[in-house]
Amino acid sequence: MKGNVKWLDGKMFLAESASGHTVVMDGPEENGGRNIGFRPMEMVLLGMAGCTSYDVIHILGKARQNVTDCVAEVEAIRADSVPAVFTDIHLHFLVTGVNLKQAQVERAIKLSSEKYCSASMMLEAGGVKITYDYEIRQAA
């Protein structure tokens, strides 16, 4: 996996992946940025949430669960001192579908957290406590 990050000006950077996708990262105005892009640590947090969400949807699809929507609400706590690493991350999955089986949703989240999500496992190896819970909603 490769990519590059180019400094544009102030505290703004353009990140480009080897697959050709780009995203702007910027700092807050009080730190010299213009507040027009993601913060780098937001990218880490959302990347981890995206990684586990991908797994959950993939696993539920293989289990033939009729999922119509899946939202992972993610919240993190950072250390008060520098480096301000994540200390705790909590994901709350809102899984909507037709006649979803609770056991299958639990299994998908557990498999992602314990076996498949590289991003969350990497963060946990670095000492981050990651917790999960979920809510199942019946599709209208």
N, C-alpha and C. Protein backbone atom coordinates (compact mmCIF):
# COMPACT_ATOMS: atom_id res chain seq x y z
N MET A 1 0.85 -1.17 0.00
CA MET A 1 0.00 0.00 0.00
C MET A 1 0.90 1.23 0.00
N LYS A 2 0.55 2.19 -0.83
CA LYS A 2 1.34 3.41 -0.94
C LYS A 2 0.42 4.62 -1.06
N GLY A 3 1.00 5.77 -0.92
CA GLY A 3 0.29 7.03 -1.09
C GLY A 3 1.25 8.17 -0.88
N ASN A 4 0.72 9.38 -0.95
CA ASN A 4 1.55 10.54 -0.64
C ASN A 4 0.68 11.62 -0.04
N VAL A 5 1.35 12.48 0.71
CA VAL A 5 0.70 13.62 1.35
C VAL A 5 1.49 14.86 0.96
N LYS A 6 0.82 15.80 0.30
CA LYS A 6 1.47 17.01 -0.17
C LYS A 6 0.99 18.20 0.63
N TRP A 7 1.94 18.98 1.13
CA TRP A 7 1.62 20.20 1.85
C TRP A 7 1.14 21.23 0.85
N LEU A 8 -0.02 21.83 1.11
CA LEU A 8 -0.57 22.86 0.22
C LEU A 8 -0.21 24.25 0.72
N ASP A 9 -0.64 24.57 1.94
CA ASP A 9 -0.24 25.82 2.59
C ASP A 9 -0.75 25.80 4.02
N GLY A 10 -0.27 26.72 4.84
CA GLY A 10 -0.71 26.76 6.23
C GLY A 10 -0.56 25.41 6.89
N LYS A 11 -1.68 24.84 7.32
CA LYS A 11 -1.71 23.50 7.93
C LYS A 11 -2.57 22.55 7.09
N MET A 12 -2.65 22.84 5.77
CA MET A 12 -3.49 22.04 4.88
C MET A 12 -2.63 21.13 4.01
N PHE A 13 -3.08 19.87 3.90
CA PHE A 13 -2.37 18.86 3.13
C PHE A 13 -3.36 18.12 2.24
N LEU A 14 -2.88 17.65 1.11
CA LEU A 14 -3.68 16.83 0.20
C LEU A 14 -3.09 15.42 0.22
N ALA A 15 -3.88 14.46 0.65
CA ALA A 15 -3.46 13.06 0.69
C ALA A 15 -4.01 12.34 -0.52
N GLU A 16 -3.15 11.56 -1.19
CA GLU A 16 -3.58 10.79 -2.35
C GLU A 16 -3.15 9.34 -2.18
N SER A 17 -4.10 8.45 -2.37
CA SER A 17 -3.81 7.03 -2.27
C SER A 17 -3.29 6.51 -3.61
N ALA A 18 -2.66 5.36 -3.58
CA ALA A 18 -2.17 4.74 -4.80
C ALA A 18 -3.32 4.40 -5.75
N SER A 19 -4.52 4.25 -5.21
CA SER A 19 -5.69 3.96 -6.05
C SER A 19 -6.27 5.22 -6.69
N GLY A 20 -5.65 6.38 -6.40
CA GLY A 20 -6.04 7.61 -7.06
C GLY A 20 -7.07 8.46 -6.35
N HIS A 21 -7.40 8.13 -5.12
CA HIS A 21 -8.38 8.91 -4.36
C HIS A 21 -7.66 9.97 -3.53
N THR A 22 -8.31 11.13 -3.39
CA THR A 22 -7.71 12.21 -2.63
C THR A 22 -8.63 12.70 -1.53
N VAL A 23 -8.01 13.25 -0.49
CA VAL A 23 -8.75 13.84 0.62
C VAL A 23 -7.91 14.98 1.18
N VAL A 24 -8.59 16.03 1.60
CA VAL A 24 -7.92 17.18 2.20
C VAL A 24 -7.88 17.01 3.72
N MET A 25 -6.71 17.26 4.29
CA MET A 25 -6.56 17.31 5.74
C MET A 25 -6.14 18.73 6.10
N ASP A 26 -6.69 19.24 7.19
CA ASP A 26 -6.39 20.61 7.60
C ASP A 26 -6.48 20.70 9.11
N GLY A 27 -5.90 21.75 9.64
CA GLY A 27 -5.94 22.00 11.07
C GLY A 27 -6.98 23.05 11.41
N PRO A 28 -7.25 23.21 12.69
CA PRO A 28 -8.20 24.24 13.11
C PRO A 28 -7.58 25.62 12.94
N GLU A 29 -8.43 26.62 12.84
CA GLU A 29 -7.98 27.99 12.64
C GLU A 29 -7.05 28.47 13.76
N GLU A 30 -7.34 28.04 15.00
CA GLU A 30 -6.51 28.48 16.12
C GLU A 30 -5.09 27.92 16.07
N ASN A 31 -4.87 26.92 15.22
CA ASN A 31 -3.54 26.35 15.05
C ASN A 31 -2.96 26.63 13.67
N GLY A 32 -3.49 27.61 12.98
CA GLY A 32 -2.93 28.00 11.69
C GLY A 32 -3.59 27.37 10.48
N GLY A 33 -4.60 26.56 10.69
CA GLY A 33 -5.32 25.95 9.58
C GLY A 33 -6.49 26.82 9.14
N ARG A 34 -7.22 26.31 8.16
CA ARG A 34 -8.42 27.01 7.70
C ARG A 34 -9.68 26.21 7.98
N ASN A 35 -9.52 25.05 8.63
CA ASN A 35 -10.66 24.22 9.03
C ASN A 35 -11.51 23.79 7.84
N ILE A 36 -10.85 23.38 6.74
CA ILE A 36 -11.60 22.96 5.55
C ILE A 36 -11.36 21.50 5.19
N GLY A 37 -10.83 20.73 6.12
CA GLY A 37 -10.61 19.31 5.85
C GLY A 37 -10.58 18.51 7.14
N PHE A 38 -10.50 17.21 6.97
CA PHE A 38 -10.39 16.31 8.12
C PHE A 38 -9.09 16.57 8.88
N ARG A 39 -9.13 16.36 10.18
CA ARG A 39 -7.91 16.32 10.97
C ARG A 39 -7.30 14.94 10.75
N PRO A 40 -6.00 14.81 10.79
CA PRO A 40 -5.39 13.49 10.61
C PRO A 40 -5.91 12.43 11.58
N MET A 41 -6.11 12.80 12.85
CA MET A 41 -6.61 11.81 13.81
C MET A 41 -8.07 11.44 13.54
N GLU A 42 -8.83 12.36 12.97
CA GLU A 42 -10.19 12.00 12.54
C GLU A 42 -10.12 10.94 11.45
N MET A 43 -9.15 11.07 10.57
CA MET A 43 -8.98 10.09 9.49
C MET A 43 -8.69 8.71 10.07
N VAL A 44 -7.84 8.67 11.09
CA VAL A 44 -7.52 7.39 11.73
C VAL A 44 -8.78 6.78 12.34
N LEU A 45 -9.52 7.59 13.08
CA LEU A 45 -10.73 7.11 13.75
C LEU A 45 -11.79 6.65 12.75
N LEU A 46 -12.04 7.47 11.73
CA LEU A 46 -13.05 7.11 10.74
C LEU A 46 -12.59 5.95 9.86
N GLY A 47 -11.29 5.85 9.63
CA GLY A 47 -10.76 4.71 8.88
C GLY A 47 -11.01 3.41 9.62
N MET A 48 -10.79 3.43 10.93
CA MET A 48 -11.05 2.23 11.73
C MET A 48 -12.53 1.89 11.72
N ALA A 49 -13.40 2.90 11.85
CA ALA A 49 -14.84 2.64 11.82
C ALA A 49 -15.27 2.11 10.45
N GLY A 50 -14.65 2.63 9.40
CA GLY A 50 -14.95 2.13 8.06
C GLY A 50 -14.49 0.70 7.86
N CYS A 51 -13.34 0.37 8.40
CA CYS A 51 -12.80 -0.99 8.29
C CYS A 51 -13.72 -2.00 8.95
N THR A 52 -14.14 -1.72 10.17
CA THR A 52 -15.01 -2.66 10.88
C THR A 52 -16.41 -2.68 10.26
N SER A 53 -16.89 -1.55 9.77
CA SER A 53 -18.20 -1.52 9.11
C SER A 53 -18.19 -2.39 7.86
N TYR A 54 -17.11 -2.30 7.10
CA TYR A 54 -16.95 -3.12 5.90
C TYR A 54 -17.07 -4.60 6.28
N ASP A 55 -16.35 -4.99 7.32
CA ASP A 55 -16.38 -6.38 7.77
C ASP A 55 -17.79 -6.81 8.17
N VAL A 56 -18.46 -5.98 8.96
CA VAL A 56 -19.80 -6.33 9.46
C VAL A 56 -20.76 -6.54 8.30
N ILE A 57 -20.75 -5.63 7.34
CA ILE A 57 -21.64 -5.76 6.18
C ILE A 57 -21.29 -7.00 5.37
N HIS A 58 -20.00 -7.25 5.19
CA HIS A 58 -19.57 -8.42 4.42
C HIS A 58 -20.01 -9.73 5.11
N ILE A 59 -19.79 -9.81 6.40
CA ILE A 59 -20.15 -11.01 7.16
C ILE A 59 -21.66 -11.22 7.18
N LEU A 60 -22.42 -10.15 7.39
CA LEU A 60 -23.88 -10.28 7.39
C LEU A 60 -24.40 -10.67 6.01
N GLY A 61 -23.76 -10.18 4.97
CA GLY A 61 -24.15 -10.58 3.61
C GLY A 61 -23.91 -12.06 3.37
N LYS A 62 -22.78 -12.55 3.82
CA LYS A 62 -22.48 -13.99 3.67
C LYS A 62 -23.46 -14.84 4.49
N ALA A 63 -23.97 -14.27 5.58
CA ALA A 63 -24.94 -14.98 6.42
C ALA A 63 -26.36 -14.80 5.90
N ARG A 64 -26.50 -14.18 4.73
CA ARG A 64 -27.78 -13.97 4.07
C ARG A 64 -28.76 -13.15 4.91
N GLN A 65 -28.21 -12.18 5.63
CA GLN A 65 -29.04 -11.26 6.39
C GLN A 65 -29.43 -10.10 5.48
N ASN A 66 -30.68 -9.72 5.52
CA ASN A 66 -31.21 -8.67 4.64
C ASN A 66 -31.00 -7.30 5.30
N VAL A 67 -29.77 -6.77 5.19
CA VAL A 67 -29.42 -5.49 5.77
C VAL A 67 -29.78 -4.38 4.78
N THR A 68 -30.48 -3.36 5.28
CA THR A 68 -30.83 -2.22 4.43
C THR A 68 -30.04 -0.96 4.78
N ASP A 69 -29.44 -0.95 5.99
CA ASP A 69 -28.64 0.20 6.40
C ASP A 69 -27.75 -0.22 7.56
N CYS A 70 -26.60 0.40 7.63
CA CYS A 70 -25.69 0.15 8.75
C CYS A 70 -24.90 1.44 9.00
N VAL A 71 -25.02 1.95 10.21
CA VAL A 71 -24.28 3.15 10.60
C VAL A 71 -23.46 2.80 11.83
N ALA A 72 -22.18 3.13 11.79
CA ALA A 72 -21.32 2.95 12.95
C ALA A 72 -21.04 4.34 13.52
N GLU A 73 -21.61 4.61 14.68
CA GLU A 73 -21.33 5.86 15.38
C GLU A 73 -20.08 5.61 16.22
N VAL A 74 -19.07 6.45 16.03
CA VAL A 74 -17.80 6.21 16.71
C VAL A 74 -17.41 7.42 17.54
N GLU A 75 -16.89 7.14 18.73
CA GLU A 75 -16.47 8.20 19.64
C GLU A 75 -15.16 7.77 20.29
N ALA A 76 -14.24 8.72 20.40
CA ALA A 76 -12.94 8.39 20.96
C ALA A 76 -12.56 9.37 22.06
N ILE A 77 -11.74 8.88 22.96
CA ILE A 77 -11.12 9.71 23.99
C ILE A 77 -9.62 9.71 23.72
N ARG A 78 -9.04 10.89 23.80
CA ARG A 78 -7.60 11.02 23.58
C ARG A 78 -6.90 11.38 24.88
N ALA A 79 -5.63 11.01 24.97
CA ALA A 79 -4.82 11.36 26.14
C ALA A 79 -4.71 12.87 26.26
N ASP A 80 -4.59 13.35 27.48
CA ASP A 80 -4.48 14.78 27.73
C ASP A 80 -3.11 15.34 27.41
N SER A 81 -2.11 14.46 27.35
CA SER A 81 -0.75 14.93 27.11
C SER A 81 -0.27 14.51 25.73
N VAL A 82 0.79 15.12 25.30
CA VAL A 82 1.39 14.82 24.00
C VAL A 82 2.24 13.58 24.14
N PRO A 83 2.16 12.60 23.28
CA PRO A 83 1.27 12.56 22.12
C PRO A 83 -0.17 12.26 22.55
N ALA A 84 -1.12 12.96 21.95
CA ALA A 84 -2.53 12.83 22.31
C ALA A 84 -3.14 11.63 21.58
N VAL A 85 -2.66 10.45 21.95
CA VAL A 85 -3.12 9.21 21.32
C VAL A 85 -4.54 8.88 21.79
N PHE A 86 -5.21 8.02 21.03
CA PHE A 86 -6.49 7.51 21.48
C PHE A 86 -6.25 6.58 22.66
N THR A 87 -7.08 6.72 23.68
CA THR A 87 -7.02 5.79 24.81
C THR A 87 -8.22 4.84 24.78
N ASP A 88 -9.36 5.35 24.34
CA ASP A 88 -10.60 4.58 24.30
C ASP A 88 -11.37 4.94 23.03
N ILE A 89 -11.94 3.92 22.42
CA ILE A 89 -12.81 4.12 21.26
C ILE A 89 -14.05 3.26 21.48
N HIS A 90 -15.21 3.85 21.23
CA HIS A 90 -16.46 3.09 21.32
C HIS A 90 -17.21 3.21 20.00
N LEU A 91 -17.65 2.07 19.49
CA LEU A 91 -18.48 2.03 18.28
C LEU A 91 -19.86 1.53 18.64
N HIS A 92 -20.86 2.25 18.16
CA HIS A 92 -22.25 1.85 18.33
C HIS A 92 -22.82 1.62 16.93
N PHE A 93 -23.12 0.37 16.62
CA PHE A 93 -23.68 0.02 15.32
C PHE A 93 -25.19 0.12 15.35
N LEU A 94 -25.74 0.79 14.35
CA LEU A 94 -27.19 0.83 14.13
C LEU A 94 -27.41 0.03 12.85
N VAL A 95 -27.88 -1.20 13.02
CA VAL A 95 -28.06 -2.10 11.88
C VAL A 95 -29.54 -2.24 11.59
N THR A 96 -29.93 -1.87 10.38
CA THR A 96 -31.33 -1.92 9.98
C THR A 96 -31.50 -2.97 8.89
N GLY A 97 -32.59 -3.70 8.97
CA GLY A 97 -32.84 -4.71 7.95
C GLY A 97 -34.17 -5.39 8.17
N VAL A 98 -34.38 -6.42 7.37
CA VAL A 98 -35.61 -7.19 7.41
C VAL A 98 -35.33 -8.50 8.15
N ASN A 99 -36.00 -8.65 9.30
CA ASN A 99 -35.89 -9.87 10.11
C ASN A 99 -34.44 -10.27 10.41
N LEU A 100 -33.64 -9.30 10.81
CA LEU A 100 -32.24 -9.59 11.16
C LEU A 100 -32.19 -10.45 12.41
N LYS A 101 -31.26 -11.38 12.43
CA LYS A 101 -31.08 -12.24 13.58
C LYS A 101 -30.03 -11.63 14.49
N GLN A 102 -30.39 -11.45 15.75
CA GLN A 102 -29.48 -10.85 16.72
C GLN A 102 -28.17 -11.63 16.79
N ALA A 103 -28.24 -12.95 16.79
CA ALA A 103 -27.02 -13.76 16.89
C ALA A 103 -26.08 -13.50 15.71
N GLN A 104 -26.64 -13.26 14.53
CA GLN A 104 -25.80 -12.99 13.35
C GLN A 104 -25.14 -11.62 13.44
N VAL A 105 -25.87 -10.63 13.95
CA VAL A 105 -25.29 -9.29 14.11
C VAL A 105 -24.17 -9.33 15.14
N GLU A 106 -24.43 -9.98 16.28
CA GLU A 106 -23.39 -10.13 17.31
C GLU A 106 -22.17 -10.83 16.76
N ARG A 107 -22.39 -11.90 16.02
CA ARG A 107 -21.29 -12.68 15.44
C ARG A 107 -20.46 -11.83 14.48
N ALA A 108 -21.13 -11.05 13.64
CA ALA A 108 -20.43 -10.22 12.66
C ALA A 108 -19.54 -9.19 13.35
N ILE A 109 -20.07 -8.55 14.38
CA ILE A 109 -19.29 -7.55 15.11
C ILE A 109 -18.12 -8.21 15.83
N LYS A 110 -18.37 -9.35 16.43
CA LYS A 110 -17.31 -10.06 17.16
C LYS A 110 -16.21 -10.53 16.20
N LEU A 111 -16.58 -11.10 15.06
CA LEU A 111 -15.58 -11.54 14.10
C LEU A 111 -14.74 -10.37 13.58
N SER A 112 -15.40 -9.26 13.32
CA SER A 112 -14.66 -8.09 12.86
C SER A 112 -13.67 -7.65 13.93
N SER A 113 -14.13 -7.53 15.16
CA SER A 113 -13.27 -7.00 16.22
C SER A 113 -12.16 -7.95 16.63
N GLU A 114 -12.38 -9.25 16.51
CA GLU A 114 -11.40 -10.22 16.99
C GLU A 114 -10.56 -10.88 15.90
N LYS A 115 -11.01 -10.77 14.64
CA LYS A 115 -10.31 -11.53 13.60
C LYS A 115 -9.99 -10.73 12.34
N TYR A 116 -10.88 -9.87 11.88
CA TYR A 116 -10.73 -9.31 10.54
C TYR A 116 -10.31 -7.84 10.45
N CYS A 117 -10.72 -6.99 11.37
CA CYS A 117 -10.47 -5.56 11.21
C CYS A 117 -9.02 -5.21 11.58
N SER A 118 -8.20 -5.08 10.56
CA SER A 118 -6.79 -4.77 10.76
C SER A 118 -6.60 -3.45 11.51
N ALA A 119 -7.40 -2.46 11.18
CA ALA A 119 -7.25 -1.14 11.79
C ALA A 119 -7.52 -1.19 13.29
N SER A 120 -8.60 -1.83 13.70
CA SER A 120 -8.90 -1.88 15.13
C SER A 120 -7.88 -2.74 15.88
N MET A 121 -7.43 -3.81 15.26
CA MET A 121 -6.43 -4.66 15.92
C MET A 121 -5.10 -3.92 16.08
N MET A 122 -4.75 -3.11 15.09
CA MET A 122 -3.53 -2.33 15.17
C MET A 122 -3.63 -1.31 16.31
N LEU A 123 -4.78 -0.65 16.43
CA LEU A 123 -4.97 0.32 17.50
C LEU A 123 -4.96 -0.37 18.86
N GLU A 124 -5.62 -1.52 18.96
CA GLU A 124 -5.63 -2.25 20.23
C GLU A 124 -4.24 -2.70 20.63
N ALA A 125 -3.44 -3.12 19.65
CA ALA A 125 -2.06 -3.53 19.93
C ALA A 125 -1.25 -2.36 20.50
N GLY A 126 -1.66 -1.15 20.15
CA GLY A 126 -1.01 0.05 20.67
C GLY A 126 -1.58 0.53 21.99
N GLY A 127 -2.49 -0.23 22.57
CA GLY A 127 -3.01 0.09 23.89
C GLY A 127 -4.36 0.76 23.93
N VAL A 128 -5.04 0.91 22.79
CA VAL A 128 -6.35 1.54 22.78
C VAL A 128 -7.40 0.52 23.21
N LYS A 129 -8.26 0.92 24.13
CA LYS A 129 -9.38 0.07 24.55
C LYS A 129 -10.54 0.35 23.59
N ILE A 130 -10.97 -0.68 22.85
CA ILE A 130 -12.06 -0.52 21.88
C ILE A 130 -13.25 -1.36 22.34
N THR A 131 -14.40 -0.71 22.42
CA THR A 131 -15.63 -1.39 22.81
C THR A 131 -16.68 -1.20 21.71
N TYR A 132 -17.62 -2.13 21.69
CA TYR A 132 -18.66 -2.15 20.67
C TYR A 132 -20.00 -2.43 21.32
N ASP A 133 -21.04 -1.88 20.76
CA ASP A 133 -22.39 -2.33 21.05
C ASP A 133 -23.22 -2.09 19.78
N TYR A 134 -24.46 -2.49 19.83
CA TYR A 134 -25.28 -2.41 18.61
C TYR A 134 -26.74 -2.27 18.95
N GLU A 135 -27.47 -1.86 17.94
CA GLU A 135 -28.92 -1.77 18.00
C GLU A 135 -29.43 -2.30 16.66
N ILE A 136 -30.42 -3.15 16.72
CA ILE A 136 -31.02 -3.69 15.51
C ILE A 136 -32.36 -3.00 15.30
N ARG A 137 -32.58 -2.53 14.08
CA ARG A 137 -33.83 -1.87 13.73
C ARG A 137 -34.50 -2.61 12.59
N GLN A 138 -35.79 -2.74 12.69
CA GLN A 138 -36.57 -3.38 11.63
C GLN A 138 -36.80 -2.37 10.51
N ALA A 139 -36.50 -2.74 9.29
CA ALA A 139 -36.72 -1.87 8.14
C ALA A 139 -38.22 -1.65 7.94
N ALA A 140 -38.57 -0.43 7.55
CA ALA A 140 -39.98 -0.11 7.35
C ALA A 140 -40.51 -0.72 6.08
